[in-house]
C-alpha atoms as a PDB file:
ATOM      1  CA  UNK A   1      95.428  80.889 121.201  1.00  0.00           C
ATOM      2  CA  UNK A   2      92.365  83.069 121.776  1.00  0.00           C
ATOM      3  CA  UNK A   3      90.519  84.001 118.569  1.00  0.00           C
ATOM      4  CA  UNK A   4      92.653  81.720 116.366  1.00  0.00           C
ATOM      5  CA  UNK A   5      91.543  81.651 112.711  1.00  0.00           C
ATOM      6  CA  UNK A   6      94.523  80.352 110.705  1.00  0.00           C
ATOM      7  CA  UNK A   7      98.289  80.390 110.324  1.00  0.00           C
ATOM      8  CA  UNK A   8     100.789  80.456 107.478  1.00  0.00           C
ATOM      9  CA  UNK A   9     104.575  80.240 107.209  1.00  0.00           C
ATOM     10  CA  UNK A  10     106.466  82.102 104.484  1.00  0.00           C
ATOM     11  CA  UNK A  11     109.833  83.854 104.115  1.00  0.00           C
ATOM     12  CA  UNK A  12     111.038  82.650 107.511  1.00  0.00           C
ATOM     13  CA  UNK A  13     108.123  84.225 109.366  1.00  0.00           C
ATOM     14  CA  UNK A  14     104.932  82.807 110.734  1.00  0.00           C
ATOM     15  CA  UNK A  15     101.631  84.670 110.432  1.00  0.00           C
ATOM     16  CA  UNK A  16      98.822  83.893 112.860  1.00  0.00           C
ATOM     17  CA  UNK A  17      95.394  85.324 112.028  1.00  0.00           C
ATOM     18  CA  UNK A  18      92.950  85.991 114.870  1.00  0.00           C
ATOM     19  CA  UNK A  19      89.451  87.434 115.131  1.00  0.00           C
ATOM     20  CA  UNK A  20      89.502  91.220 115.701  1.00  0.00           C
ATOM     21  CA  UNK A  21      87.302  90.928 118.795  1.00  0.00           C
ATOM     22  CA  UNK A  22      89.884  88.719 120.509  1.00  0.00           C
ATOM     23  CA  UNK A  23      93.021  90.574 119.433  1.00  0.00           C
ATOM     24  CA  UNK A  24      93.868  91.793 122.943  1.00  0.00           C
ATOM     25  CA  UNK A  25      93.466  88.303 124.450  1.00  0.00           C
ATOM     26  CA  UNK A  26      95.690  86.824 121.704  1.00  0.00           C
ATOM     27  CA  UNK A  27      98.268  89.587 122.260  1.00  0.00           C
ATOM     28  CA  UNK A  28      98.334  88.944 126.018  1.00  0.00           C
ATOM     29  CA  UNK A  29      98.754  85.216 125.385  1.00  0.00           C
ATOM     30  CA  UNK A  30     101.655  85.808 122.995  1.00  0.00           C
ATOM     31  CA  UNK A  31     103.358  88.246 125.368  1.00  0.00           C
ATOM     32  CA  UNK A  32     102.845  86.368 128.645  1.00  0.00           C
ATOM     33  CA  UNK A  33     102.839  82.703 127.571  1.00  0.00           C
ATOM     34  CA  UNK A  34     105.031  82.698 124.452  1.00  0.00           C
ATOM     35  CA  UNK A  35     107.491  85.507 125.313  1.00  0.00           C
ATOM     36  CA  UNK A  36     106.778  87.909 122.437  1.00  0.00           C
ATOM     37  CA  UNK A  37     107.531  90.990 124.497  1.00  0.00           C
ATOM     38  CA  UNK A  38     108.549  93.341 121.664  1.00  0.00           C
ATOM     39  CA  UNK A  39     106.161  94.881 119.130  1.00  0.00           C
ATOM     40  CA  UNK A  40     108.367  96.301 116.371  1.00  0.00           C
ATOM     41  CA  UNK A  41     105.688  97.581 113.991  1.00  0.00           C
ATOM     42  CA  UNK A  42     102.043  97.606 112.995  1.00  0.00           C
ATOM     43  CA  UNK A  43     101.268  97.628 109.282  1.00  0.00           C
ATOM     44  CA  UNK A  44      97.843  98.465 107.891  1.00  0.00           C
ATOM     45  CA  UNK A  45      97.150  97.365 104.310  1.00  0.00           C
ATOM     46  CA  UNK A  46      94.228  98.186 102.007  1.00  0.00           C
ATOM     47  CA  UNK A  47      93.195  95.366  99.650  1.00  0.00           C
ATOM     48  CA  UNK A  48      90.343  97.237  97.931  1.00  0.00           C
ATOM     49  CA  UNK A  49      89.445  95.378  94.730  1.00  0.00           C
ATOM     50  CA  UNK A  50      92.012  92.646  95.351  1.00  0.00           C
ATOM     51  CA  UNK A  51      91.249  89.501  93.371  1.00  0.00           C
ATOM     52  CA  UNK A  52      88.554  91.150  91.263  1.00  0.00           C
ATOM     53  CA  UNK A  53      88.616  91.456  87.486  1.00  0.00           C
ATOM     54  CA  UNK A  54      91.208  93.945  86.302  1.00  0.00           C
ATOM     55  CA  UNK A  55      93.630  93.446  89.183  1.00  0.00           C
ATOM     56  CA  UNK A  56      96.960  92.188  87.899  1.00  0.00           C
ATOM     57  CA  UNK A  57      98.796  89.344  89.540  1.00  0.00           C
ATOM     58  CA  UNK A  58     102.488  88.820  89.943  1.00  0.00           C
ATOM     59  CA  UNK A  59     104.687  87.635  87.131  1.00  0.00           C
ATOM     60  CA  UNK A  60     107.538  85.335  88.009  1.00  0.00           C
ATOM     61  CA  UNK A  61     109.059  81.885  87.978  1.00  0.00           C
ATOM     62  CA  UNK A  62     109.856  79.369  90.675  1.00  0.00           C
ATOM     63  CA  UNK A  63     113.347  80.889  90.951  1.00  0.00           C
ATOM     64  CA  UNK A  64     112.122  84.469  91.178  1.00  0.00           C
ATOM     65  CA  UNK A  65     111.985  87.333  88.736  1.00  0.00           C
ATOM     66  CA  UNK A  66     114.873  88.904  86.856  1.00  0.00           C
ATOM     67  CA  UNK A  67     114.164  92.644  86.699  1.00  0.00           C
ATOM     68  CA  UNK A  68     116.842  93.015  84.011  1.00  0.00           C
ATOM     69  CA  UNK A  69     114.911  90.714  81.637  1.00  0.00           C
ATOM     70  CA  UNK A  70     111.298  91.877  81.754  1.00  0.00           C
ATOM     71  CA  UNK A  71     108.817  89.315  80.434  1.00  0.00           C
ATOM     72  CA  UNK A  72     105.950  87.199  81.698  1.00  0.00           C
ATOM     73  CA  UNK A  73     107.730  84.028  80.529  1.00  0.00           C
ATOM     74  CA  UNK A  74     104.332  82.351  80.496  1.00  0.00           C
ATOM     75  CA  UNK A  75     104.042  82.279  84.276  1.00  0.00           C
ATOM     76  CA  UNK A  76     101.209  84.351  85.675  1.00  0.00           C
ATOM     77  CA  UNK A  77      99.924  83.881  89.206  1.00  0.00           C
ATOM     78  CA  UNK A  78      96.662  85.573  90.118  1.00  0.00           C
ATOM     79  CA  UNK A  79      96.414  87.213  93.533  1.00  0.00           C
ATOM     80  CA  UNK A  80      94.937  85.150  96.339  1.00  0.00           C
ATOM     81  CA  UNK A  81      91.555  86.420  97.559  1.00  0.00           C
ATOM     82  CA  UNK A  82      91.632  88.233 100.902  1.00  0.00           C
ATOM     83  CA  UNK A  83      89.049  87.715 103.663  1.00  0.00           C
ATOM     84  CA  UNK A  84      88.261  91.427 104.153  1.00  0.00           C
ATOM     85  CA  UNK A  85      89.356  94.818 102.826  1.00  0.00           C
ATOM     86  CA  UNK A  86      91.955  95.803 105.456  1.00  0.00           C
ATOM     87  CA  UNK A  87      94.598  93.842 107.316  1.00  0.00           C
ATOM     88  CA  UNK A  88      96.396  94.983 110.449  1.00  0.00           C
ATOM     89  CA  UNK A  89      99.671  93.114 110.966  1.00  0.00           C
ATOM     90  CA  UNK A  90     101.476  93.250 114.312  1.00  0.00           C
ATOM     91  CA  UNK A  91     105.165  92.326 113.931  1.00  0.00           C
ATOM     92  CA  UNK A  92     106.429  90.649 117.101  1.00  0.00           C
ATOM     93  CA  UNK A  93     109.785  89.528 118.435  1.00  0.00           C
ATOM     94  CA  UNK A  94     110.750  87.417 121.415  1.00  0.00           C
ATOM     95  CA  UNK A  95     114.008  88.799 122.768  1.00  0.00           C
ATOM     96  CA  UNK A  96     115.906  85.557 123.267  1.00  0.00           C
ATOM     97  CA  UNK A  97     118.535  83.762 121.144  1.00  0.00           C
ATOM     98  CA  UNK A  98     117.034  81.876 118.210  1.00  0.00           C
ATOM     99  CA  UNK A  99     113.526  83.201 118.803  1.00  0.00           C
ATOM    100  CA  UNK A 100     111.244  83.236 115.778  1.00  0.00           C
ATOM    101  CA  UNK A 101     109.527  86.250 114.272  1.00  0.00           C
ATOM    102  CA  UNK A 102     105.763  86.313 114.395  1.00  0.00           C
ATOM    103  CA  UNK A 103     103.151  88.339 112.593  1.00  0.00           C
ATOM    104  CA  UNK A 104      99.830  88.599 114.420  1.00  0.00           C
ATOM    105  CA  UNK A 105      97.147  89.626 111.936  1.00  0.00           C
ATOM    106  CA  UNK A 106      93.505  90.697 111.941  1.00  0.00           C
ATOM    107  CA  UNK A 107      91.211  91.421 108.984  1.00  0.00           C
ATOM    108  CA  UNK A 108      88.517  94.108 109.079  1.00  0.00           C
ATOM    109  CA  UNK A 109      86.046  95.761 106.723  1.00  0.00           C
ATOM    110  CA  UNK A 110      85.725  99.503 106.216  1.00  0.00           C
ATOM    111  CA  UNK A 111      84.286 101.018 109.403  1.00  0.00           C
ATOM    112  CA  UNK A 112      84.941  97.929 111.538  1.00  0.00           C
ATOM    113  CA  UNK A 113      87.068  98.872 114.584  1.00  0.00           C
ATOM    114  CA  UNK A 114      90.184  97.113 115.840  1.00  0.00           C
ATOM    115  CA  UNK A 115      90.851  96.984 119.606  1.00  0.00           C
ATOM    116  CA  UNK A 116      93.909  98.842 120.856  1.00  0.00           C
ATOM    117  CA  UNK A 117      96.915  96.848 122.101  1.00  0.00           C
ATOM    118  CA  UNK A 118      98.592  99.837 123.792  1.00  0.00           C
ATOM    119  CA  UNK A 119      97.987  98.239 127.206  1.00  0.00           C
ATOM    120  CA  UNK A 120      99.841  95.102 126.012  1.00  0.00           C
ATOM    121  CA  UNK A 121     102.682  96.784 124.103  1.00  0.00           C
ATOM    122  CA  UNK A 122     102.978 100.552 124.822  1.00  0.00           C
ATOM    123  CA  UNK A 123     104.917 101.091 121.579  1.00  0.00           C
ATOM    124  CA  UNK A 124     101.642 100.436 119.715  1.00  0.00           C
ATOM    125  CA  UNK A 125     100.541 103.985 120.582  1.00  0.00           C
ATOM    126  CA  UNK A 126     101.940 105.814 117.559  1.00  0.00           C
ATOM    127  CA  UNK A 127     101.637 102.818 115.218  1.00  0.00           C
ATOM    128  CA  UNK A 128      97.879 102.660 115.880  1.00  0.00           C
ATOM    129  CA  UNK A 129      97.539 106.416 115.424  1.00  0.00           C
ATOM    130  CA  UNK A 130      99.327 106.125 112.078  1.00  0.00           C
ATOM    131  CA  UNK A 131      96.930 103.370 110.918  1.00  0.00           C
ATOM    132  CA  UNK A 132      94.009 105.590 111.906  1.00  0.00           C
ATOM    133  CA  UNK A 133      95.443 108.731 110.306  1.00  0.00           C
ATOM    134  CA  UNK A 134      96.579 107.281 106.981  1.00  0.00           C
ATOM    135  CA  UNK A 135      94.120 104.391 106.492  1.00  0.00           C
ATOM    136  CA  UNK A 136      91.064 105.401 108.496  1.00  0.00           C
ATOM    137  CA  UNK A 137      91.007 102.228 110.604  1.00  0.00           C
ATOM    138  CA  UNK A 138      89.360 103.064 113.924  1.00  0.00           C
ATOM    139  CA  UNK A 139      91.262 101.800 116.968  1.00  0.00           C
ATOM    140  CA  UNK A 140      88.804 101.161 119.794  1.00  0.00           C
ATOM    141  CA  UNK A 141      90.065 101.976 123.285  1.00  0.00           C
ATOM    142  CA  UNK A 142      93.124 103.922 122.154  1.00  0.00           C
ATOM    143  CA  UNK A 143      94.140 106.526 124.793  1.00  0.00           C
ATOM    144  CA  UNK A 144      94.595 109.373 122.259  1.00  0.00           C
ATOM    145  CA  UNK A 145      93.293 108.474 118.806  1.00  0.00           C
ATOM    146  CA  UNK A 146      94.159 111.647 116.914  1.00  0.00           C
ATOM    147  CA  UNK A 147      95.941 112.401 113.675  1.00  0.00           C
ATOM    148  CA  UNK A 148      99.703 112.014 113.886  1.00  0.00           C
ATOM    149  CA  UNK A 149     100.982 113.005 110.417  1.00  0.00           C
ATOM    150  CA  UNK A 150      98.191 114.868 108.628  1.00  0.00           C
ATOM    151  CA  UNK A 151      96.736 118.201 109.737  1.00  0.00           C
ATOM    152  CA  UNK A 152      93.735 117.939 112.061  1.00  0.00           C
ATOM    153  CA  UNK A 153      91.410 119.375 109.396  1.00  0.00           C
ATOM    154  CA  UNK A 154      92.681 117.061 106.607  1.00  0.00           C
ATOM    155  CA  UNK A 155      89.857 115.287 104.787  1.00  0.00           C
ATOM    156  CA  UNK A 156      90.238 111.581 104.115  1.00  0.00           C
ATOM    157  CA  UNK A 157      93.005 109.065 104.649  1.00  0.00           C
ATOM    158  CA  UNK A 158      95.754 109.290 102.002  1.00  0.00           C
ATOM    159  CA  UNK A 159      96.988 105.675 101.943  1.00  0.00           C
ATOM    160  CA  UNK A 160      93.587 104.176 101.156  1.00  0.00           C
ATOM    161  CA  UNK A 161      93.156 102.914  97.618  1.00  0.00           C
ATOM    162  CA  UNK A 162      89.945 104.916  97.207  1.00  0.00           C
ATOM    163  CA  UNK A 163      91.642 108.212  98.158  1.00  0.00           C
ATOM    164  CA  UNK A 164      91.441 110.633  95.212  1.00  0.00           C
ATOM    165  CA  UNK A 165      94.698 110.951  93.319  1.00  0.00           C
ATOM    166  CA  UNK A 166      95.827 114.508  92.727  1.00  0.00           C
ATOM    167  CA  UNK A 167      97.388 117.357  94.533  1.00  0.00           C
ATOM    168  CA  UNK A 168      96.397 120.377  96.488  1.00  0.00           C
ATOM    169  CA  UNK A 169      95.346 123.359  94.375  1.00  0.00           C
ATOM    170  CA  UNK A 170      98.157 125.848  94.060  1.00  0.00           C
ATOM    171  CA  UNK A 171      97.457 129.572  94.488  1.00  0.00           C
ATOM    172  CA  UNK A 172      99.669 131.948  92.558  1.00  0.00           C
ATOM    173  CA  UNK A 173     100.275 135.471  93.826  1.00  0.00           C
ATOM    174  CA  UNK A 174      99.055 137.043  90.554  1.00  0.00           C
ATOM    175  CA  UNK A 175      95.627 135.366  90.886  1.00  0.00           C
ATOM    176  CA  UNK A 176      92.796 137.080  92.709  1.00  0.00           C
END
């Protein structure tokens, strides 16, 4: 596969990581050669500070975690280090009986663009705009990269971990 970096299987799904610069070539290969003709979603995730001191891991056992009995039970697993700050995961389906699910993934740093896959899967249009609007990930070659949920004059990207927490100032009618 073009741009292949690694792969991993978990929870009944396979994740294939590719280089961002070869995302479109990998997407075309998966669509045309492997039959993954349906893009169901694109998920952007911010891993700012992941794996650094002060970031908690997951608590659990080999059989899972009982939310009704909170306790560490002596099992603490630290989070696995991530290659870059942001991941973009493309969730793919092949529309045939027994076809597997596949997650195509790229990793990028802040300010590093991701090529658009709208020409491969047209449904990527709004998903890519959402990643840009809420996470600030630039999508290179997108036909209309504009905000989709936030107002055009909104400052920042609200789903980033470095976005300031707080609300909009409220104006009361009695104030001047």
